[in-house]
Amino acid sequence: MSDLVITTFSADDIAANVAELGALLRACVHDGASIGFVLPYSVADSEGFWTSKVLPGVQEGSRIVLVARIDGRIVGSVQLGYDTMPNQPHRADVNKLLVHPDFRRRGIGLGLMIRLETLARELGRSLMTLDTRTGDKAEPLYAQLGYQTVGVIPGYARDPMGGERLDATTIMYKQI
């Protein structure tokens, strides 16, 4: 995709773009993405996630945020968490792969993940881990990228649409 631009966001970038990042997160949640949030989900909730949960990790140097843009618009994001314990300096976590529902199936998630793995290698990380709702839209992408399924945990998280149903999560890893 020639008009896709993927950049690493600094703490200042996150602060300057918190409304648009919040809108991305909100659109994904409202589309049913199981990324930790349950409807109803307000604008304040979505912006607060970036300022209180993501921004401190970027400021501390324990989290990288990649953002995908098309024609200047934020259409995707993914995070690399690498604040690991002393016995796990080789490991990093994939967090919150988001692609705006209007821009899915265009290679944005793939581009974000490939760039994320490159950054992880540059940090000396050789093992990537993640979890995803079992059967979710991103699960085939992770498998395509070579992530292996370790197992499934039933009843892991509430349905994001606000119901009482508990969804399973699939735990995956990849050696890079």
Protein backbone atom coordinates (compact mmCIF):
# COMPACT_ATOMS: atom_id res chain seq x y z
CA MET A 1 0.00 0.00 0.00
CA SER A 2 1.89 3.02 -1.29
CA ASP A 3 0.06 5.67 0.73
CA LEU A 4 0.50 3.83 4.06
CA VAL A 5 3.01 5.45 6.42
CA ILE A 6 4.02 3.72 9.68
CA THR A 7 5.83 5.77 12.30
CA THR A 8 6.96 5.38 15.88
CA PHE A 9 5.10 7.79 18.14
CA SER A 10 6.93 9.62 20.89
CA ALA A 11 5.25 10.71 24.11
CA ASP A 12 4.77 14.15 22.55
CA ASP A 13 3.18 12.59 19.45
CA ILE A 14 0.73 10.64 21.61
CA ALA A 15 -0.20 13.76 23.59
CA ALA A 16 -0.66 15.80 20.40
CA ASN A 17 -2.81 13.12 18.74
CA VAL A 18 -4.75 11.77 21.72
CA ALA A 19 -8.15 12.68 20.24
CA GLU A 20 -7.44 10.84 16.98
CA LEU A 21 -5.90 7.85 18.80
CA GLY A 22 -8.94 7.77 21.05
CA ALA A 23 -11.22 7.85 18.02
CA LEU A 24 -9.35 4.87 16.53
CA LEU A 25 -9.70 2.89 19.75
CA ARG A 26 -13.35 3.84 20.10
CA ALA A 27 -14.15 2.81 16.51
CA CYS A 28 -12.54 -0.59 17.07
CA VAL A 29 -14.40 -1.16 20.35
CA HIS A 30 -17.71 -0.13 18.78
CA ASP A 31 -16.99 -2.60 15.97
CA GLY A 32 -16.73 -5.41 18.53
CA ALA A 33 -12.96 -5.66 19.00
CA SER A 34 -12.06 -7.47 22.20
CA ILE A 35 -9.22 -5.25 23.35
CA GLY A 36 -10.05 -4.82 27.02
CA PHE A 37 -13.06 -2.51 26.88
CA VAL A 38 -16.81 -3.02 27.13
CA LEU A 39 -19.65 -0.84 25.84
CA PRO A 40 -20.79 1.70 26.76
CA TYR A 41 -17.41 3.29 26.08
CA SER A 42 -17.04 7.06 26.10
CA VAL A 43 -14.70 9.45 24.32
CA ALA A 44 -13.17 10.27 27.72
CA ASP A 45 -12.55 6.54 28.33
CA SER A 46 -10.81 6.09 24.97
CA GLU A 47 -8.61 9.16 25.34
CA GLY A 48 -7.90 8.30 28.97
CA PHE A 49 -6.51 4.92 27.90
CA TRP A 50 -3.82 6.64 25.83
CA THR A 51 -2.93 9.25 28.45
CA SER A 52 -3.00 7.05 31.57
CA LYS A 53 -2.07 3.57 30.30
CA VAL A 54 0.06 4.04 27.18
CA LEU A 55 1.77 7.41 27.57
CA PRO A 56 3.57 6.57 30.87
CA GLY A 57 5.16 3.45 29.32
CA VAL A 58 6.40 5.43 26.34
CA GLN A 59 7.79 8.12 28.67
CA GLU A 60 9.55 5.45 30.77
CA GLY A 61 11.00 3.72 27.71
CA SER A 62 9.20 0.42 28.29
CA ARG A 63 6.65 0.66 25.46
CA ILE A 64 6.81 1.49 21.76
CA VAL A 65 3.76 2.72 19.88
CA LEU A 66 3.58 2.37 16.12
CA VAL A 67 0.94 4.33 14.23
CA ALA A 68 -0.24 3.77 10.66
CA ARG A 69 -1.53 6.70 8.64
CA ILE A 70 -3.14 7.02 5.25
CA ASP A 71 -3.28 10.54 3.83
CA GLY A 72 -2.42 11.85 7.29
CA ARG A 73 -5.30 10.06 9.02
CA ILE A 74 -4.51 7.60 11.83
CA VAL A 75 -5.91 4.25 10.66
CA GLY A 76 -4.02 1.77 12.83
CA SER A 77 -1.73 1.23 15.78
CA VAL A 78 0.10 -1.48 17.69
CA GLN A 79 2.25 -1.48 20.82
CA LEU A 80 5.37 -3.35 21.87
CA GLY A 81 5.62 -3.89 25.61
CA TYR A 82 9.14 -4.75 26.68
CA ASP A 83 9.16 -3.97 30.40
CA THR A 84 10.03 -7.54 31.32
CA MET A 85 11.47 -9.15 34.41
CA PRO A 86 15.25 -9.71 34.65
CA ASN A 87 14.89 -13.37 33.63
CA GLN A 88 13.03 -12.39 30.42
CA PRO A 89 15.19 -9.81 28.63
CA HIS A 90 14.66 -11.72 25.39
CA ARG A 91 10.84 -11.37 25.40
CA ALA A 92 8.34 -8.68 24.34
CA ASP A 93 4.55 -8.49 24.20
CA VAL A 94 2.36 -7.46 21.28
CA ASN A 95 -0.39 -5.21 22.62
CA LYS A 96 -3.49 -3.63 21.12
CA LEU A 97 -3.22 -4.18 17.38
CA LEU A 98 -5.87 -1.76 16.13
CA VAL A 99 -7.01 -1.18 12.56
CA HIS A 100 -9.91 1.19 11.95
CA PRO A 101 -12.92 -0.81 10.70
CA ASP A 102 -13.11 1.36 7.53
CA PHE A 103 -9.53 0.41 6.60
CA ARG A 104 -9.36 -3.32 7.28
CA ARG A 105 -8.19 -5.91 4.73
CA ARG A 106 -5.65 -3.49 3.21
CA GLY A 107 -2.46 -4.86 4.77
CA ILE A 108 -2.29 -2.29 7.58
CA GLY A 109 -2.22 -4.86 10.40
CA LEU A 110 0.40 -6.88 8.52
CA GLY A 111 2.57 -3.80 7.98
CA LEU A 112 2.30 -2.81 11.65
CA MET A 113 3.23 -6.30 12.83
CA ILE A 114 6.22 -6.63 10.49
CA ARG A 115 7.57 -3.27 11.66
CA LEU A 116 6.91 -4.20 15.31
CA GLU A 117 8.89 -7.42 14.97
CA THR A 118 11.76 -5.48 13.38
CA LEU A 119 11.83 -3.09 16.34
CA ALA A 120 11.71 -6.01 18.79
CA ARG A 121 14.74 -7.59 17.09
CA GLU A 122 16.57 -4.25 17.25
CA LEU A 123 15.95 -4.27 21.02
CA GLY A 124 17.49 -7.74 21.26
CA ARG A 125 14.15 -9.50 21.73
CA SER A 126 13.80 -12.97 20.25
CA LEU A 127 10.41 -14.08 21.60
CA MET A 128 7.10 -12.32 20.95
CA THR A 129 3.96 -13.19 22.91
CA LEU A 130 0.34 -12.11 22.58
CA ASP A 131 -3.20 -13.06 23.33
CA THR A 132 -6.24 -12.57 21.13
CA ARG A 133 -9.90 -13.43 21.45
CA THR A 134 -10.33 -16.92 20.07
CA GLY A 135 -11.76 -16.72 16.56
CA ASP A 136 -11.23 -12.95 16.31
CA LYS A 137 -10.37 -11.16 13.07
CA ALA A 138 -6.66 -10.83 13.92
CA GLU A 139 -6.06 -14.49 14.80
CA PRO A 140 -5.52 -15.61 11.17
CA LEU A 141 -3.10 -12.70 10.63
CA TYR A 142 -1.00 -13.81 13.59
CA ALA A 143 -0.95 -17.39 12.28
CA GLN A 144 0.05 -16.11 8.82
CA LEU A 145 2.97 -14.29 10.43
CA GLY A 146 4.14 -17.52 12.07
CA TYR A 147 2.72 -17.15 15.57
CA GLN A 148 2.09 -20.52 17.20
CA THR A 149 -0.88 -21.24 19.43
CA VAL A 150 0.05 -22.37 22.93
CA GLY A 151 -3.49 -22.85 24.13
CA VAL A 152 -6.91 -21.41 24.75
CA ILE A 153 -8.21 -20.06 28.05
CA PRO A 154 -12.02 -20.32 28.22
CA GLY A 155 -14.09 -17.57 29.81
CA TYR A 156 -11.19 -15.10 29.75
CA ALA A 157 -12.89 -11.77 29.01
CA ARG A 158 -16.35 -10.23 28.80
CA ASP A 159 -17.94 -9.69 25.43
CA PRO A 160 -17.07 -6.12 24.36
CA MET A 161 -20.62 -5.41 23.25
CA GLY A 162 -21.69 -5.24 26.88
CA GLY A 163 -23.20 -8.66 27.31
CA GLU A 164 -22.45 -11.11 30.08
CA ARG A 165 -20.94 -13.70 27.71
CA LEU A 166 -17.34 -14.62 28.49
CA ASP A 167 -15.08 -15.16 25.49
CA ALA A 168 -12.05 -17.42 25.27
CA THR A 169 -8.59 -16.07 24.49
CA THR A 170 -5.86 -17.74 22.46
CA ILE A 171 -2.28 -17.44 23.70
CA MET A 172 0.33 -17.26 20.92
CA TYR A 173 4.08 -16.81 20.53
CA LYS A 174 6.70 -16.42 17.84
CA GLN A 175 10.45 -16.77 17.93
CA ILE A 176 11.95 -14.01 15.83
